[in-house]
C-alpha atoms as a PDB file:
ATOM      1  CA  MET A   1     -76.952  45.161   9.771  1.00  0.00           C
ATOM      2  CA  ALA A   2     -74.886  42.669  11.710  1.00  0.00           C
ATOM      3  CA  ILE A   3     -72.407  44.418  14.002  1.00  0.00           C
ATOM      4  CA  ILE A   4     -68.936  42.983  13.499  1.00  0.00           C
ATOM      5  CA  ASP A   5     -65.440  43.951  14.586  1.00  0.00           C
ATOM      6  CA  PRO A   6     -62.731  44.721  12.021  1.00  0.00           C
ATOM      7  CA  PRO A   7     -60.682  41.820  10.598  1.00  0.00           C
ATOM      8  CA  ASP A   8     -57.083  40.973  11.500  1.00  0.00           C
ATOM      9  CA  SER A   9     -55.901  42.792   8.378  1.00  0.00           C
ATOM     10  CA  ILE A  10     -56.928  46.056  10.077  1.00  0.00           C
ATOM     11  CA  VAL A  11     -56.605  45.312  13.828  1.00  0.00           C
ATOM     12  CA  GLN A  12     -53.358  43.653  14.938  1.00  0.00           C
ATOM     13  CA  LYS A  13     -54.062  43.222  18.650  1.00  0.00           C
ATOM     14  CA  ARG A  14     -57.023  43.089  20.981  1.00  0.00           C
ATOM     15  CA  ILE A  15     -56.643  44.197  24.592  1.00  0.00           C
ATOM     16  CA  TRP A  16     -60.134  44.285  26.046  1.00  0.00           C
ATOM     17  CA  VAL A  17     -61.061  46.668  28.844  1.00  0.00           C
ATOM     18  CA  PRO A  18     -63.158  45.590  31.865  1.00  0.00           C
ATOM     19  CA  GLN A  19     -66.917  45.489  31.490  1.00  0.00           C
ATOM     20  CA  GLN A  20     -67.316  48.518  33.760  1.00  0.00           C
ATOM     21  CA  ASN A  21     -65.437  50.592  31.157  1.00  0.00           C
ATOM     22  CA  VAL A  22     -68.017  49.972  28.422  1.00  0.00           C
ATOM     23  CA  PHE A  23     -71.686  50.570  27.705  1.00  0.00           C
ATOM     24  CA  GLY A  24     -72.772  47.028  26.974  1.00  0.00           C
ATOM     25  CA  GLY A  25     -74.988  46.505  23.934  1.00  0.00           C
ATOM     26  CA  ALA A  26     -75.233  50.228  23.116  1.00  0.00           C
ATOM     27  CA  GLN A  27     -74.633  49.533  19.409  1.00  0.00           C
ATOM     28  CA  PRO A  28     -73.050  52.918  18.621  1.00  0.00           C
ATOM     29  CA  GLY A  29     -72.535  54.073  15.050  1.00  0.00           C
ATOM     30  CA  SER A  30     -74.127  57.492  14.593  1.00  0.00           C
ATOM     31  CA  ALA A  31     -70.730  59.192  14.386  1.00  0.00           C
ATOM     32  CA  LEU A  32     -67.001  58.524  14.628  1.00  0.00           C
ATOM     33  CA  VAL A  33     -64.943  60.645  17.028  1.00  0.00           C
ATOM     34  CA  ILE A  34     -61.211  61.188  16.523  1.00  0.00           C
ATOM     35  CA  HIS A  35     -58.917  61.503  19.560  1.00  0.00           C
ATOM     36  CA  LYS A  36     -55.234  61.840  20.433  1.00  0.00           C
ATOM     37  CA  THR A  37     -53.768  60.641  23.714  1.00  0.00           C
ATOM     38  CA  GLY A  38     -51.937  63.823  24.779  1.00  0.00           C
ATOM     39  CA  GLY A  39     -49.031  61.895  26.317  1.00  0.00           C
ATOM     40  CA  GLY A  40     -47.775  58.388  26.835  1.00  0.00           C
ATOM     41  CA  ASP A  41     -44.943  56.450  25.278  1.00  0.00           C
ATOM     42  CA  GLY A  42     -46.330  56.373  21.745  1.00  0.00           C
ATOM     43  CA  THR A  43     -47.422  52.732  21.786  1.00  0.00           C
ATOM     44  CA  ALA A  44     -50.996  51.550  21.436  1.00  0.00           C
ATOM     45  CA  GLU A  45     -50.330  48.798  23.933  1.00  0.00           C
ATOM     46  CA  GLU A  46     -49.486  51.253  26.733  1.00  0.00           C
ATOM     47  CA  THR A  47     -52.676  53.242  26.196  1.00  0.00           C
ATOM     48  CA  ALA A  48     -54.731  50.046  25.999  1.00  0.00           C
ATOM     49  CA  HIS A  49     -53.235  48.792  29.274  1.00  0.00           C
ATOM     50  CA  TYR A  50     -53.988  52.204  30.829  1.00  0.00           C
ATOM     51  CA  PHE A  51     -57.635  51.800  29.814  1.00  0.00           C
ATOM     52  CA  GLN A  52     -57.552  48.254  31.148  1.00  0.00           C
ATOM     53  CA  THR A  53     -56.073  48.934  34.593  1.00  0.00           C
ATOM     54  CA  GLN A  54     -55.951  52.620  35.566  1.00  0.00           C
ATOM     55  CA  THR A  55     -59.168  54.342  34.513  1.00  0.00           C
ATOM     56  CA  THR A  56     -62.844  53.818  33.753  1.00  0.00           C
ATOM     57  CA  LYS A  57     -62.392  55.536  30.388  1.00  0.00           C
ATOM     58  CA  SER A  58     -61.908  53.649  27.154  1.00  0.00           C
ATOM     59  CA  ALA A  59     -61.885  53.914  23.370  1.00  0.00           C
ATOM     60  CA  HIS A  60     -62.816  51.374  20.745  1.00  0.00           C
ATOM     61  CA  PHE A  61     -59.421  51.553  19.049  1.00  0.00           C
ATOM     62  CA  VAL A  62     -55.913  52.854  19.762  1.00  0.00           C
ATOM     63  CA  ILE A  63     -53.325  53.422  17.020  1.00  0.00           C
ATOM     64  CA  GLY A  64     -49.647  53.548  17.984  1.00  0.00           C
ATOM     65  CA  GLN A  65     -46.921  55.558  16.301  1.00  0.00           C
ATOM     66  CA  ASP A  66     -45.580  52.338  14.801  1.00  0.00           C
ATOM     67  CA  GLY A  67     -48.937  51.748  13.072  1.00  0.00           C
ATOM     68  CA  THR A  68     -50.162  49.020  15.430  1.00  0.00           C
ATOM     69  CA  VAL A  69     -53.938  49.064  15.866  1.00  0.00           C
ATOM     70  CA  VAL A  70     -55.285  47.710  19.159  1.00  0.00           C
ATOM     71  CA  GLN A  71     -59.001  47.182  19.731  1.00  0.00           C
ATOM     72  CA  CYS A  72     -60.169  47.706  23.319  1.00  0.00           C
ATOM     73  CA  VAL A  73     -63.970  47.659  23.028  1.00  0.00           C
ATOM     74  CA  HIS A  74     -66.247  45.587  20.778  1.00  0.00           C
ATOM     75  CA  LEU A  75     -68.228  47.673  18.296  1.00  0.00           C
ATOM     76  CA  VAL A  76     -71.477  46.254  19.659  1.00  0.00           C
ATOM     77  CA  ASP A  77     -70.668  48.159  22.885  1.00  0.00           C
ATOM     78  CA  GLY A  78     -70.139  51.842  23.614  1.00  0.00           C
ATOM     79  CA  ALA A  79     -66.728  53.044  24.806  1.00  0.00           C
ATOM     80  CA  GLY A  80     -66.045  55.640  27.487  1.00  0.00           C
ATOM     81  CA  ALA A  81     -64.361  58.398  25.491  1.00  0.00           C
ATOM     82  CA  ASN A  82     -66.951  61.019  24.528  1.00  0.00           C
ATOM     83  CA  CYS A  83     -69.524  61.336  27.303  1.00  0.00           C
ATOM     84  CA  CYS A  84     -70.756  64.741  28.083  1.00  0.00           C
ATOM     85  CA  ALA A  85     -70.845  67.789  25.879  1.00  0.00           C
ATOM     86  CA  ASP A  86     -70.076  71.148  27.486  1.00  0.00           C
ATOM     87  CA  ASN A  87     -71.297  74.606  26.471  1.00  0.00           C
ATOM     88  CA  THR A  88     -68.567  74.876  23.804  1.00  0.00           C
ATOM     89  CA  HIS A  89     -69.866  71.884  21.827  1.00  0.00           C
ATOM     90  CA  ASN A  90     -70.651  72.135  18.137  1.00  0.00           C
ATOM     91  CA  SER A  91     -74.386  72.441  17.522  1.00  0.00           C
ATOM     92  CA  TRP A  92     -74.191  69.509  15.097  1.00  0.00           C
ATOM     93  CA  TRP A  93     -74.309  67.278  18.199  1.00  0.00           C
ATOM     94  CA  ASP A  94     -77.580  68.711  19.540  1.00  0.00           C
ATOM     95  CA  GLY A  95     -79.860  66.107  17.944  1.00  0.00           C
ATOM     96  CA  LEU A  96     -77.807  63.203  19.302  1.00  0.00           C
ATOM     97  CA  ILE A  97     -77.497  64.840  22.731  1.00  0.00           C
ATOM     98  CA  SER A  98     -81.278  65.203  22.988  1.00  0.00           C
ATOM     99  CA  ARG A  99     -81.707  61.583  21.914  1.00  0.00           C
ATOM    100  CA  PHE A 100     -78.929  59.876  23.899  1.00  0.00           C
ATOM    101  CA  ASN A 101     -77.695  62.466  26.443  1.00  0.00           C
ATOM    102  CA  ASN A 102     -74.453  60.471  26.874  1.00  0.00           C
ATOM    103  CA  LEU A 103     -72.676  60.495  23.497  1.00  0.00           C
ATOM    104  CA  ASN A 104     -70.786  57.321  24.398  1.00  0.00           C
ATOM    105  CA  LEU A 105     -74.017  55.481  23.599  1.00  0.00           C
ATOM    106  CA  CYS A 106     -73.956  56.501  19.930  1.00  0.00           C
ATOM    107  CA  THR A 107     -70.329  57.167  18.953  1.00  0.00           C
ATOM    108  CA  ILE A 108     -67.299  55.091  17.929  1.00  0.00           C
ATOM    109  CA  SER A 109     -63.938  56.388  19.125  1.00  0.00           C
ATOM    110  CA  ILE A 110     -60.362  56.103  17.869  1.00  0.00           C
ATOM    111  CA  GLU A 111     -57.337  57.196  19.922  1.00  0.00           C
ATOM    112  CA  HIS A 112     -54.066  58.102  18.185  1.00  0.00           C
ATOM    113  CA  CYS A 113     -50.935  57.930  20.333  1.00  0.00           C
ATOM    114  CA  ASP A 114     -49.146  61.267  20.694  1.00  0.00           C
ATOM    115  CA  THR A 115     -46.307  61.653  23.193  1.00  0.00           C
ATOM    116  CA  SER A 116     -46.860  65.418  23.370  1.00  0.00           C
ATOM    117  CA  THR A 117     -49.285  66.729  26.000  1.00  0.00           C
ATOM    118  CA  SER A 118     -50.340  69.380  23.476  1.00  0.00           C
ATOM    119  CA  ASN A 119     -51.191  66.724  20.874  1.00  0.00           C
ATOM    120  CA  SER A 120     -48.803  68.444  18.474  1.00  0.00           C
ATOM    121  CA  THR A 121     -46.763  65.461  17.242  1.00  0.00           C
ATOM    122  CA  PRO A 122     -47.657  64.691  13.604  1.00  0.00           C
ATOM    123  CA  LEU A 123     -48.967  61.227  12.903  1.00  0.00           C
ATOM    124  CA  THR A 124     -46.200  58.999  11.598  1.00  0.00           C
ATOM    125  CA  SER A 125     -46.692  57.653   8.088  1.00  0.00           C
ATOM    126  CA  ALA A 126     -47.369  54.164   9.501  1.00  0.00           C
ATOM    127  CA  GLN A 127     -49.845  55.571  12.018  1.00  0.00           C
ATOM    128  CA  LYS A 128     -51.582  57.639   9.370  1.00  0.00           C
ATOM    129  CA  ALA A 129     -51.906  54.705   6.977  1.00  0.00           C
ATOM    130  CA  ALA A 130     -53.351  52.487   9.718  1.00  0.00           C
ATOM    131  CA  SER A 131     -55.729  55.218  10.846  1.00  0.00           C
ATOM    132  CA  PHE A 132     -57.089  55.995   7.399  1.00  0.00           C
ATOM    133  CA  LYS A 133     -57.535  52.295   6.632  1.00  0.00           C
ATOM    134  CA  LEU A 134     -59.489  51.740   9.868  1.00  0.00           C
ATOM    135  CA  ILE A 135     -61.590  54.864   9.362  1.00  0.00           C
ATOM    136  CA  LYS A 136     -62.490  53.801   5.822  1.00  0.00           C
ATOM    137  CA  TRP A 137     -63.546  50.376   7.086  1.00  0.00           C
ATOM    138  CA  ILE A 138     -65.807  52.001   9.699  1.00  0.00           C
ATOM    139  CA  VAL A 139     -67.215  54.479   7.173  1.00  0.00           C
ATOM    140  CA  ASP A 140     -68.029  51.672   4.745  1.00  0.00           C
ATOM    141  CA  GLN A 141     -69.477  49.453   7.471  1.00  0.00           C
ATOM    142  CA  TYR A 142     -71.770  52.122   8.934  1.00  0.00           C
ATOM    143  CA  GLY A 143     -72.413  54.299   5.878  1.00  0.00           C
ATOM    144  CA  LEU A 144     -71.112  57.415   7.621  1.00  0.00           C
ATOM    145  CA  ASP A 145     -71.016  60.768   5.853  1.00  0.00           C
ATOM    146  CA  ILE A 146     -67.286  61.572   5.709  1.00  0.00           C
ATOM    147  CA  HIS A 147     -67.913  65.320   5.791  1.00  0.00           C
ATOM    148  CA  THR A 148     -70.275  65.486   8.758  1.00  0.00           C
ATOM    149  CA  GLU A 149     -70.220  62.252  10.771  1.00  0.00           C
ATOM    150  CA  ILE A 150     -66.487  62.063  11.504  1.00  0.00           C
ATOM    151  CA  ARG A 151     -65.923  64.595  14.279  1.00  0.00           C
ATOM    152  CA  PRO A 152     -63.005  65.769  16.439  1.00  0.00           C
ATOM    153  CA  HIS A 153     -63.189  65.329  20.197  1.00  0.00           C
ATOM    154  CA  ASN A 154     -62.958  69.105  20.637  1.00  0.00           C
ATOM    155  CA  SER A 155     -66.325  69.442  18.881  1.00  0.00           C
ATOM    156  CA  ILE A 156     -67.856  67.875  22.013  1.00  0.00           C
ATOM    157  CA  ASN A 157     -66.038  69.771  24.739  1.00  0.00           C
ATOM    158  CA  ALA A 158     -63.149  72.174  25.259  1.00  0.00           C
ATOM    159  CA  THR A 159     -59.949  70.167  24.815  1.00  0.00           C
ATOM    160  CA  VAL A 160     -56.734  70.152  22.747  1.00  0.00           C
ATOM    161  CA  CYS A 161     -57.746  66.711  21.458  1.00  0.00           C
ATOM    162  CA  PRO A 162     -57.164  65.689  18.662  1.00  0.00           C
ATOM    163  CA  GLY A 163     -54.623  68.439  18.075  1.00  0.00           C
ATOM    164  CA  ASN A 164     -53.069  68.437  14.617  1.00  0.00           C
ATOM    165  CA  PHE A 165     -54.815  65.368  13.220  1.00  0.00           C
ATOM    166  CA  PRO A 166     -54.518  65.496   9.382  1.00  0.00           C
ATOM    167  CA  TRP A 167     -58.167  66.070   8.474  1.00  0.00           C
ATOM    168  CA  THR A 168     -57.590  67.265   4.923  1.00  0.00           C
ATOM    169  CA  GLU A 169     -55.473  64.229   4.083  1.00  0.00           C
ATOM    170  CA  MET A 170     -58.026  61.924   5.670  1.00  0.00           C
ATOM    171  CA  ILE A 171     -60.904  63.357   3.641  1.00  0.00           C
ATOM    172  CA  ALA A 172     -58.839  63.150   0.448  1.00  0.00           C
ATOM    173  CA  TYR A 173     -58.082  59.494   1.199  1.00  0.00           C
ATOM    174  CA  LEU A 174     -61.727  58.706   1.870  1.00  0.00           C
ATOM    175  CA  GLU A 175     -62.720  60.469  -1.354  1.00  0.00           C
ATOM    176  CA  GLY A 176     -60.372  58.183  -3.254  1.00  0.00           C
ATOM    177  CA  ALA A 177     -57.249  60.293  -3.637  1.00  0.00           C
ATOM    178  CA  THR A 178     -53.856  58.697  -3.054  1.00  0.00           C
ATOM    179  CA  PRO A 179     -52.363  60.340   0.068  1.00  0.00           C
ATOM    180  CA  VAL A 180     -48.890  61.803  -0.176  1.00  0.00           C
ATOM    181  CA  PRO A 181     -46.694  59.845   2.254  1.00  0.00           C
ATOM    182  CA  THR A 182     -44.961  62.096   4.728  1.00  0.00           C
ATOM    183  CA  ASN A 183     -42.458  61.308   7.427  1.00  0.00           C
ATOM    184  CA  PRO A 184     -42.129  64.059  10.061  1.00  0.00           C
ATOM    185  CA  GLY A 185     -39.135  62.223  11.519  1.00  0.00           C
ATOM    186  CA  ALA A 186     -37.030  63.400   8.589  1.00  0.00           C
ATOM    187  CA  ASP A 187     -37.185  66.959   9.950  1.00  0.00           C
ATOM    188  CA  PRO A 188     -34.272  67.671  12.367  1.00  0.00           C
ATOM    189  CA  ALA A 189     -36.363  70.221  14.268  1.00  0.00           C
ATOM    190  CA  PHE A 190     -39.070  67.608  14.795  1.00  0.00           C
ATOM    191  CA  LEU A 191     -36.491  65.062  15.981  1.00  0.00           C
ATOM    192  CA  ASN A 192     -35.281  67.480  18.642  1.00  0.00           C
ATOM    193  CA  THR A 193     -38.830  68.207  19.809  1.00  0.00           C
ATOM    194  CA  TYR A 194     -39.742  64.525  19.878  1.00  0.00           C
ATOM    195  CA  TRP A 195     -36.608  63.614  21.868  1.00  0.00           C
ATOM    196  CA  ASN A 196     -37.433  66.302  24.422  1.00  0.00           C
ATOM    197  CA  SER A 197     -41.105  65.286  24.726  1.00  0.00           C
ATOM    198  CA  GLY A 198     -40.230  62.257  26.861  1.00  0.00           C
ATOM    199  CA  VAL A 199     -38.769  61.964  30.342  1.00  0.00           C
ATOM    200  CA  GLN A 200     -37.481  65.152  31.990  1.00  0.00           C
ATOM    201  CA  PRO A 201     -34.796  66.322  32.169  1.00  0.00           C
ATOM    202  CA  ALA A 202     -34.252  65.174  28.601  1.00  0.00           C
ATOM    203  CA  PRO A 203     -31.226  62.883  28.185  1.00  0.00           C
ATOM    204  CA  ASP A 204     -28.038  63.702  26.291  1.00  0.00           C
ATOM    205  CA  PHE A 205     -28.781  63.898  22.553  1.00  0.00           C
ATOM    206  CA  THR A 206     -25.147  63.395  21.503  1.00  0.00           C
ATOM    207  CA  THR A 207     -24.580  59.758  22.491  1.00  0.00           C
ATOM    208  CA  GLY A 208     -24.240  56.884  20.082  1.00  0.00           C
ATOM    209  CA  ILE A 209     -27.631  55.528  21.119  1.00  0.00           C
ATOM    210  CA  ALA A 210     -29.228  58.952  20.594  1.00  0.00           C
ATOM    211  CA  HIS A 211     -27.718  59.138  17.106  1.00  0.00           C
ATOM    212  CA  ALA A 212     -29.016  55.633  16.307  1.00  0.00           C
ATOM    213  CA  TRP A 213     -32.478  56.622  17.558  1.00  0.00           C
ATOM    214  CA  ALA A 214     -32.471  59.780  15.398  1.00  0.00           C
ATOM    215  CA  LYS A 215     -31.389  57.806  12.336  1.00  0.00           C
ATOM    216  CA  ASP A 216     -34.102  55.217  12.877  1.00  0.00           C
ATOM    217  CA  VAL A 217     -36.871  57.775  13.422  1.00  0.00           C
ATOM    218  CA  SER A 218     -35.734  59.765  10.372  1.00  0.00           C
ATOM    219  CA  GLN A 219     -36.257  56.566   8.375  1.00  0.00           C
ATOM    220  CA  ASP A 220     -39.798  56.188   9.760  1.00  0.00           C
ATOM    221  CA  LEU A 221     -38.850  53.540  12.318  1.00  0.00           C
ATOM    222  CA  TRP A 222     -40.725  54.788  15.375  1.00  0.00           C
ATOM    223  CA  ARG A 223     -39.136  53.944  18.705  1.00  0.00           C
ATOM    224  CA  GLY A 224     -41.016  56.210  21.103  1.00  0.00           C
ATOM    225  CA  SER A 225     -39.432  59.009  23.109  1.00  0.00           C
ATOM    226  CA  PRO A 226     -36.812  58.269  25.808  1.00  0.00           C
ATOM    227  CA  THR A 227     -38.045  57.099  29.210  1.00  0.00           C
ATOM    228  CA  MET A 228     -34.637  57.251  30.973  1.00  0.00           C
ATOM    229  CA  THR A 229     -32.872  60.531  31.783  1.00  0.00           C
ATOM    230  CA  LYS A 230     -29.523  59.007  30.811  1.00  0.00           C
ATOM    231  CA  GLU A 231     -27.969  55.802  29.581  1.00  0.00           C
ATOM    232  CA  GLY A 232     -27.554  53.004  32.093  1.00  0.00           C
ATOM    233  CA  LYS A 233     -25.618  49.742  32.221  1.00  0.00           C
ATOM    234  CA  ILE A 234     -27.116  46.296  31.718  1.00  0.00           C
ATOM    235  CA  MET A 235     -25.703  42.789  31.717  1.00  0.00           C
ATOM    236  CA  TRP A 236     -26.361  41.645  28.166  1.00  0.00           C
ATOM    237  CA  LYS A 237     -25.139  38.368  26.709  1.00  0.00           C
ATOM    238  CA  GLY A 238     -22.630  38.071  29.534  1.00  0.00           C
ATOM    239  CA  THR A 239     -21.221  41.574  29.080  1.00  0.00           C
ATOM    240  CA  LEU A 240     -21.983  44.853  30.850  1.00  0.00           C
ATOM    241  CA  VAL A 241     -23.083  47.270  28.111  1.00  0.00           C
ATOM    242  CA  PRO A 242     -24.728  50.722  27.892  1.00  0.00           C
ATOM    243  CA  TRP A 243     -28.464  50.692  27.305  1.00  0.00           C
ATOM    244  CA  GLN A 244     -31.368  53.131  27.142  1.00  0.00           C
ATOM    245  CA  GLN A 245     -35.122  52.572  27.367  1.00  0.00           C
ATOM    246  CA  PHE A 246     -37.645  54.170  24.998  1.00  0.00           C
ATOM    247  CA  GLY A 247     -41.407  53.958  24.657  1.00  0.00           C
ATOM    248  CA  GLY A 248     -41.306  51.089  22.194  1.00  0.00           C
ATOM    249  CA  GLY A 249     -38.320  49.136  23.520  1.00  0.00           C
ATOM    250  CA  PHE A 250     -34.634  49.727  24.254  1.00  0.00           C
ATOM    251  CA  TYR A 251     -31.231  50.039  22.632  1.00  0.00           C
ATOM    252  CA  THR A 252     -28.048  48.322  23.697  1.00  0.00           C
ATOM    253  CA  TRP A 253     -24.611  49.608  22.677  1.00  0.00           C
ATOM    254  CA  GLU A 254     -22.357  46.735  21.690  1.00  0.00           C
ATOM    255  CA  LYS A 255     -18.908  46.985  20.115  1.00  0.00           C
ATOM    256  CA  GLY A 256     -19.474  50.506  18.869  1.00  0.00           C
ATOM    257  CA  GLN A 257     -22.946  49.859  17.465  1.00  0.00           C
ATOM    258  CA  ALA A 258     -26.517  50.354  18.670  1.00  0.00           C
ATOM    259  CA  PHE A 259     -28.987  47.454  18.574  1.00  0.00           C
ATOM    260  CA  TRP A 260     -32.766  47.903  18.902  1.00  0.00           C
ATOM    261  CA  HIS A 261     -34.911  45.531  20.984  1.00  0.00           C
ATOM    262  CA  SER A 262     -38.662  46.008  20.620  1.00  0.00           C
ATOM    263  CA  ASN A 263     -41.151  45.587  23.466  1.00  0.00           C
ATOM    264  CA  SER A 264     -43.469  43.579  21.200  1.00  0.00           C
END
């Protein structure tokens, strides 16, 4: 089987990590491991740049809360996400451990951006759709058993990763069922938790920009959590206006209305 990377219809961006972050020519494909980031601003680009510049770790793919899929490692190479099983690992891995020792040599890895350090933020509907589509492509390409060869990171070692990943929905999708679209942002309690999962102390949730953010997220427009503890002032189009930065971009407040400006 020729080893190919997914097409542009599945992967929107490619931000390659340095060669020292990969296992060149490993040709993994014995299993797919699901991860969540446990922090960050919610964008795939930020996690990809972290892999690129701040660590020797890596994953093949990163999926942002806005549904953007970034590829960081070619599928012909191993990524640095799954390495070494500890004494809590699931015994299913024993055969691959005895064969490869380092599980990075035989596994494909997908990171899902989650701003919560406990990996408790539900996947957004856009993120879920992108994830399931990518997973199905990998399953079809490698002939993986959807019930045994897609594994959570915490089956390798003791970790809160991948948290509340929607396994049941994923399996139903892969079995051919139509997934029920859900938008956690429509839940006011979730909105409050998501707002407070960013910079600390959390900024005022009663401002016009905060209300615009909440409205957008409730409509499944994912902006990331706030990265500024309070609104600032910026010179914008020749006028000094309030603004506030979020994981995916920033809002300006102009003439009584909030305007979103994406990072991408």
